[in-house]
Amino acid sequence: MNNKIDQQTRFTLHELAIFVAVARLGTTRAAADYIARSQAAVSAALAALEATLGAELFDRQGRRLVLNENGRKLLPKAASLLDQAGQLQRLLSAGNAMPLRVAASLTIGEYLLPKLLAQWQAANPLSLVQLTVGNTNAVIEAVVSFDADIGFIEGPQTHPDLIVRPWLSDRMVIVAAPTHPLAGLTVNQRQLSEAKWAIREPGSGTRAVADRWLFDRVGQINVAFELGSTEAIKQLVASGSCIACLSIYALDQAFKQGWLVEVKTRLKLPVRRLAIVLHQDKRLSKGTADFVRQCQAGPR
């Protein structure tokens, strides 16, 4: 009986890796290119996995493969198992020096994490630190797909596979160049709506918070620039051509050096909550767990 069950449930990590690749990329051809195998080999491995499990994992829609209910149930568990296998391989090949894989949204990755990562690496000198910086949507995707061990986000977005832990509070500030007509004033709703604005791209946590506040407090605004970089927005604002609503964490040096100034308003500005996100099926290494605790203790 036990042998029969074992034969019925035997599958390989290779088959699971192919399943995950097809699930993410949508076709066997794309998955074959990604993992450097022939399309025939990918199709055969996927068919073998479905036969072993006794269930189809995809709905075939032309050339595309779309996860069905069975596939959606399997995907997070398969990705978790592959992640654990990767951890085991890295553990044995790196002399217990596990890398720290972090994904962070731009404001956090550029202005808050560098010092924290340097402190952690000083205590773990044999471990490689891998930091990927993108917008909040990209960070969520990296943690969901196990491409990152821990994520840091700015916006309210989340995902059913993630655990969200509140982290730091972040005050949003309206900024302008010292030469801008609104600099030094306490502005009202009309002045804000008539000014030219530079804003972040859709999917950004900064954009999500700013959009909600602007819609509720200001209404329609004149968007002149939409950019995927906080630093690019700061440089545009410094030119005197527009204003922006940015995180106070992104403005420390600019305020100290005097090339940006805060635009005052009696309107209540937003305060957002930065968060740490972890996959619910992810087993954190000791080093990653130590880093989470260090971050929750706050920047020093």
Protein backbone atom coordinates (compact mmCIF):
# COMPACT_ATOMS: atom_id res chain seq x y z
CA MET A 1 0.00 0.00 0.00
CA ASN A 2 2.74 2.45 0.94
CA ASN A 3 4.68 1.62 -2.24
CA LYS A 4 1.55 2.21 -4.31
CA ILE A 5 1.01 5.63 -2.76
CA ASP A 6 4.67 6.51 -3.28
CA GLN A 7 4.48 5.61 -6.96
CA GLN A 8 1.31 7.64 -7.41
CA THR A 9 2.67 10.80 -5.78
CA ARG A 10 6.25 10.81 -7.07
CA PHE A 11 7.26 13.92 -9.00
CA THR A 12 10.49 15.84 -9.39
CA LEU A 13 11.65 19.33 -8.55
CA HIS A 14 12.45 19.69 -12.25
CA GLU A 15 8.79 19.11 -13.12
CA LEU A 16 7.68 21.61 -10.50
CA ALA A 17 10.16 24.17 -11.84
CA ILE A 18 8.74 23.73 -15.33
CA PHE A 19 5.19 24.05 -14.00
CA VAL A 20 6.07 27.32 -12.23
CA ALA A 21 7.81 28.68 -15.34
CA VAL A 22 4.82 27.88 -17.55
CA ALA A 23 2.43 29.38 -14.98
CA ARG A 24 4.37 32.64 -14.93
CA LEU A 25 5.12 32.92 -18.65
CA GLY A 26 1.94 31.47 -20.15
CA THR A 27 3.35 29.20 -22.86
CA THR A 28 5.60 26.17 -23.05
CA ARG A 29 7.74 27.95 -25.65
CA ALA A 30 8.42 30.91 -23.34
CA ALA A 31 9.11 28.56 -20.43
CA ALA A 32 11.50 26.51 -22.59
CA ASP A 33 13.44 29.64 -23.53
CA TYR A 34 13.58 30.74 -19.90
CA ILE A 35 14.95 27.48 -18.51
CA ALA A 36 17.05 26.60 -21.60
CA ARG A 37 15.20 23.41 -22.51
CA SER A 38 13.43 22.30 -25.67
CA GLN A 39 9.71 22.99 -25.96
CA ALA A 40 9.12 19.26 -26.35
CA ALA A 41 10.94 18.54 -23.08
CA VAL A 42 8.90 21.18 -21.26
CA SER A 43 5.61 19.82 -22.63
CA ALA A 44 6.61 16.27 -21.68
CA ALA A 45 7.57 17.25 -18.13
CA LEU A 46 4.33 19.17 -17.67
CA ALA A 47 2.30 16.22 -18.97
CA ALA A 48 4.19 13.88 -16.61
CA LEU A 49 3.42 16.11 -13.61
CA GLU A 50 -0.27 16.28 -14.48
CA ALA A 51 -0.35 12.50 -14.94
CA THR A 52 1.36 11.94 -11.59
CA LEU A 53 -1.05 14.29 -9.81
CA GLY A 54 -4.04 12.93 -11.69
CA ALA A 55 -5.28 16.41 -12.51
CA GLU A 56 -4.90 19.01 -15.23
CA LEU A 57 -3.27 22.22 -14.06
CA PHE A 58 -4.01 24.54 -16.99
CA ASP A 59 -6.83 25.50 -19.30
CA ARG A 60 -5.64 25.56 -22.89
CA GLN A 61 -6.65 28.81 -24.62
CA GLY A 62 -5.12 28.67 -28.08
CA ARG A 63 -1.37 28.64 -27.58
CA ARG A 64 -1.61 30.01 -24.07
CA LEU A 65 -1.85 27.98 -20.89
CA VAL A 66 -3.92 29.59 -18.14
CA LEU A 67 -3.90 28.20 -14.59
CA ASN A 68 -7.12 26.46 -13.62
CA GLU A 69 -8.29 25.98 -10.04
CA ASN A 70 -5.94 23.04 -9.51
CA GLY A 71 -2.99 25.01 -10.85
CA ARG A 72 -3.78 28.04 -8.71
CA LYS A 73 -3.81 25.84 -5.62
CA LEU A 74 -0.52 24.20 -6.54
CA LEU A 75 1.46 27.26 -7.63
CA PRO A 76 2.29 28.85 -4.23
CA LYS A 77 3.16 25.47 -2.70
CA ALA A 78 5.33 24.52 -5.67
CA ALA A 79 7.12 27.87 -5.60
CA SER A 80 7.67 27.50 -1.84
CA LEU A 81 9.12 24.00 -2.24
CA LEU A 82 11.47 25.20 -4.98
CA ASP A 83 12.53 28.11 -2.80
CA GLN A 84 13.35 25.75 0.08
CA ALA A 85 15.33 23.52 -2.27
CA GLY A 86 17.25 26.60 -3.45
CA GLN A 87 17.96 27.57 0.15
CA LEU A 88 19.32 24.08 0.84
CA GLN A 89 21.57 24.23 -2.21
CA ARG A 90 22.88 27.68 -1.28
CA LEU A 91 23.38 26.58 2.33
CA LEU A 92 25.58 23.66 1.34
CA SER A 93 27.50 25.50 -1.36
CA ALA A 94 28.15 28.75 0.50
CA GLY A 95 29.36 27.52 3.87
CA ASN A 96 26.21 28.60 5.71
CA ALA A 97 26.45 32.15 4.26
CA MET A 98 22.90 32.57 2.95
CA PRO A 99 22.28 35.64 0.76
CA LEU A 100 19.79 38.26 1.87
CA ARG A 101 17.35 38.88 -1.00
CA VAL A 102 15.35 42.07 -0.54
CA ALA A 103 12.88 43.88 -2.80
CA ALA A 104 11.88 47.44 -1.95
CA SER A 105 9.85 50.24 -3.43
CA LEU A 106 11.87 53.22 -4.61
CA THR A 107 11.58 55.56 -1.63
CA ILE A 108 12.44 52.81 0.85
CA GLY A 109 15.13 51.22 -1.32
CA GLU A 110 16.88 54.49 -2.07
CA TYR A 111 16.57 56.38 1.22
CA LEU A 112 15.90 54.00 4.13
CA LEU A 113 17.37 50.56 3.42
CA PRO A 114 21.00 51.29 2.45
CA LYS A 115 22.04 52.07 6.04
CA LEU A 116 20.06 49.13 7.45
CA LEU A 117 21.55 46.75 4.88
CA ALA A 118 25.07 48.01 5.63
CA GLN A 119 24.51 47.40 9.36
CA TRP A 120 23.21 43.89 8.69
CA GLN A 121 26.07 43.03 6.32
CA ALA A 122 28.63 44.22 8.86
CA ALA A 123 27.23 41.62 11.26
CA ASN A 124 27.04 38.98 8.47
CA PRO A 125 30.19 39.69 6.41
CA LEU A 126 30.11 36.38 4.51
CA SER A 127 26.59 36.91 3.19
CA LEU A 128 25.76 38.58 -0.09
CA VAL A 129 23.08 41.30 -0.03
CA GLN A 130 20.82 41.45 -3.10
CA LEU A 131 18.54 44.50 -3.24
CA THR A 132 16.02 44.95 -6.06
CA VAL A 133 14.32 48.36 -6.25
CA GLY A 134 11.04 48.89 -8.12
CA ASN A 135 7.55 50.20 -7.55
CA THR A 136 5.20 48.65 -5.00
CA ASN A 137 3.52 46.35 -7.54
CA ALA A 138 6.90 44.97 -8.60
CA VAL A 139 7.91 44.36 -4.98
CA ILE A 140 4.72 42.44 -4.28
CA GLU A 141 5.26 40.30 -7.38
CA ALA A 142 8.87 39.55 -6.34
CA VAL A 143 7.80 38.31 -2.90
CA VAL A 144 4.78 36.38 -4.23
CA SER A 145 7.00 34.60 -6.77
CA PHE A 146 9.74 33.89 -4.17
CA ASP A 147 12.26 36.00 -6.10
CA ALA A 148 12.76 38.00 -2.88
CA ASP A 149 12.76 36.80 0.72
CA ILE A 150 11.37 40.04 2.12
CA GLY A 151 9.70 43.10 0.61
CA PHE A 152 9.20 46.71 1.67
CA ILE A 153 6.25 48.63 0.24
CA GLU A 154 4.79 52.12 0.45
CA GLY A 155 1.24 51.75 -0.82
CA PRO A 156 -1.94 50.04 0.38
CA GLN A 157 -1.62 47.22 -2.14
CA THR A 158 -1.42 43.65 -0.88
CA HIS A 159 -1.88 40.05 -2.03
CA PRO A 160 -3.66 37.03 -0.46
CA ASP A 161 -0.38 35.07 -0.28
CA LEU A 162 1.41 37.78 1.73
CA ILE A 163 1.74 38.67 5.40
CA VAL A 164 1.86 42.46 5.82
CA ARG A 165 3.60 43.90 8.90
CA PRO A 166 3.25 47.66 9.55
CA TRP A 167 6.64 49.34 9.73
CA LEU A 168 7.31 53.10 9.74
CA SER A 169 5.11 56.16 9.35
CA ASP A 170 5.94 58.41 6.40
CA ARG A 171 4.78 62.02 6.06
CA MET A 172 4.11 63.30 2.55
CA VAL A 173 5.28 66.83 1.73
CA ILE A 174 4.56 69.26 -1.11
CA VAL A 175 7.84 70.61 -2.47
CA ALA A 176 9.00 73.28 -4.89
CA ALA A 177 12.18 75.04 -5.94
CA PRO A 178 13.07 78.13 -3.86
CA THR A 179 12.39 80.23 -6.99
CA HIS A 180 8.92 78.76 -7.65
CA PRO A 181 6.00 81.24 -7.28
CA LEU A 182 4.48 79.09 -4.51
CA ALA A 183 7.69 78.85 -2.46
CA GLY A 184 7.34 80.58 0.89
CA LEU A 185 3.56 80.80 0.65
CA THR A 186 0.80 79.00 2.52
CA VAL A 187 -1.18 77.81 -0.48
CA ASN A 188 -4.86 77.00 -0.89
CA GLN A 189 -6.76 74.46 -2.94
CA ARG A 190 -7.06 76.72 -5.99
CA GLN A 191 -3.33 77.44 -6.13
CA LEU A 192 -2.54 73.73 -5.90
CA SER A 193 -5.01 72.81 -8.64
CA GLU A 194 -3.61 75.47 -11.01
CA ALA A 195 0.07 74.58 -10.47
CA LYS A 196 1.97 72.17 -12.72
CA TRP A 197 2.67 68.83 -11.02
CA ALA A 198 5.19 66.03 -11.42
CA ILE A 199 3.88 62.66 -10.18
CA ARG A 200 5.06 59.05 -10.01
CA GLU A 201 3.93 56.33 -12.40
CA PRO A 202 0.88 54.06 -11.83
CA GLY A 203 1.78 51.16 -9.52
CA SER A 204 3.91 53.36 -7.28
CA GLY A 205 3.02 53.56 -3.59
CA THR A 206 3.82 57.27 -3.62
CA ARG A 207 1.46 57.75 -6.57
CA ALA A 208 -1.35 55.79 -4.88
CA VAL A 209 -1.21 57.90 -1.72
CA ALA A 210 -0.78 61.19 -3.57
CA ASP A 211 -3.64 60.39 -5.95
CA ARG A 212 -6.06 59.73 -3.11
CA TRP A 213 -5.05 62.89 -1.23
CA LEU A 214 -5.12 65.11 -4.30
CA PHE A 215 -8.51 63.79 -5.38
CA ASP A 216 -10.02 64.24 -1.92
CA ARG A 217 -8.43 67.58 -0.99
CA VAL A 218 -7.54 69.35 -4.23
CA GLY A 219 -9.58 67.80 -7.01
CA GLN A 220 -8.39 68.07 -10.61
CA ILE A 221 -4.70 68.97 -10.97
CA ASN A 222 -2.49 69.91 -13.88
CA VAL A 223 -0.19 66.90 -14.39
CA ALA A 224 2.76 68.01 -16.51
CA PHE A 225 5.15 65.10 -15.81
CA GLU A 226 4.70 61.43 -14.94
CA LEU A 227 7.97 59.69 -14.06
CA GLY A 228 9.17 56.39 -12.65
CA SER A 229 11.85 57.90 -10.40
CA THR A 230 11.68 60.03 -7.29
CA GLU A 231 15.12 61.46 -8.05
CA ALA A 232 13.98 62.52 -11.53
CA ILE A 233 10.95 64.25 -10.01
CA LYS A 234 13.17 66.09 -7.52
CA GLN A 235 15.40 67.36 -10.33
CA LEU A 236 12.37 68.56 -12.31
CA VAL A 237 11.00 70.32 -9.26
CA ALA A 238 14.41 71.91 -8.64
CA SER A 239 14.28 73.41 -12.14
CA GLY A 240 11.29 75.47 -11.02
CA SER A 241 8.92 74.03 -13.62
CA CYS A 242 6.55 72.12 -11.29
CA ILE A 243 5.72 71.00 -7.76
CA ALA A 244 5.39 67.49 -6.32
CA CYS A 245 4.14 65.56 -3.30
CA LEU A 246 6.93 63.30 -2.00
CA SER A 247 8.01 61.33 1.06
CA ILE A 248 9.80 63.28 3.76
CA TYR A 249 12.43 60.51 3.72
CA ALA A 250 13.33 61.42 0.11
CA LEU A 251 13.84 65.10 0.91
CA ASP A 252 16.29 65.29 3.81
CA GLN A 253 19.40 66.20 1.80
CA ALA A 254 17.53 68.49 -0.60
CA PHE A 255 16.10 70.47 2.33
CA LYS A 256 19.46 70.65 4.11
CA GLN A 257 21.21 71.85 0.95
CA GLY A 258 18.42 74.29 0.14
CA TRP A 259 17.62 73.33 -3.46
CA LEU A 260 14.07 72.24 -2.53
CA VAL A 261 11.68 73.80 -0.02
CA GLU A 262 8.43 72.70 1.54
CA VAL A 263 5.25 74.36 0.27
CA LYS A 264 2.99 75.02 3.23
CA THR A 265 -0.77 74.49 3.13
CA ARG A 266 -3.61 74.44 5.63
CA LEU A 267 -4.90 71.28 3.95
CA LYS A 268 -4.08 68.19 5.98
CA LEU A 269 -1.29 66.32 4.22
CA PRO A 270 -1.28 62.50 4.08
CA VAL A 271 0.69 60.26 6.41
CA ARG A 272 1.18 56.76 5.08
CA ARG A 273 2.33 53.54 6.71
CA LEU A 274 5.32 51.77 5.22
CA ALA A 275 5.12 48.00 5.51
CA ILE A 276 7.19 44.82 5.45
CA VAL A 277 5.74 41.99 3.36
CA LEU A 278 6.57 38.29 3.68
CA HIS A 279 5.21 35.25 1.87
CA GLN A 280 2.95 33.20 4.12
CA ASP A 281 4.59 29.98 2.86
CA LYS A 282 8.15 31.28 3.11
CA ARG A 283 10.47 29.83 5.73
CA LEU A 284 12.87 32.62 6.61
CA SER A 285 16.52 31.83 7.09
CA LYS A 286 18.06 32.95 10.37
CA GLY A 287 19.81 35.84 8.62
CA THR A 288 16.60 37.07 6.98
CA ALA A 289 14.68 36.77 10.26
CA ASP A 290 17.44 38.76 11.98
CA PHE A 291 17.14 41.47 9.34
CA VAL A 292 13.36 41.66 9.80
CA ARG A 293 13.86 42.12 13.55
CA GLN A 294 16.54 44.77 12.93
CA CYS A 295 14.20 46.71 10.63
CA GLN A 296 11.27 46.49 13.04
CA ALA A 297 13.51 47.93 15.75
CA GLY A 298 13.79 51.00 13.52
CA PRO A 299 16.65 52.81 11.76
CA ARG A 300 19.56 53.73 14.03
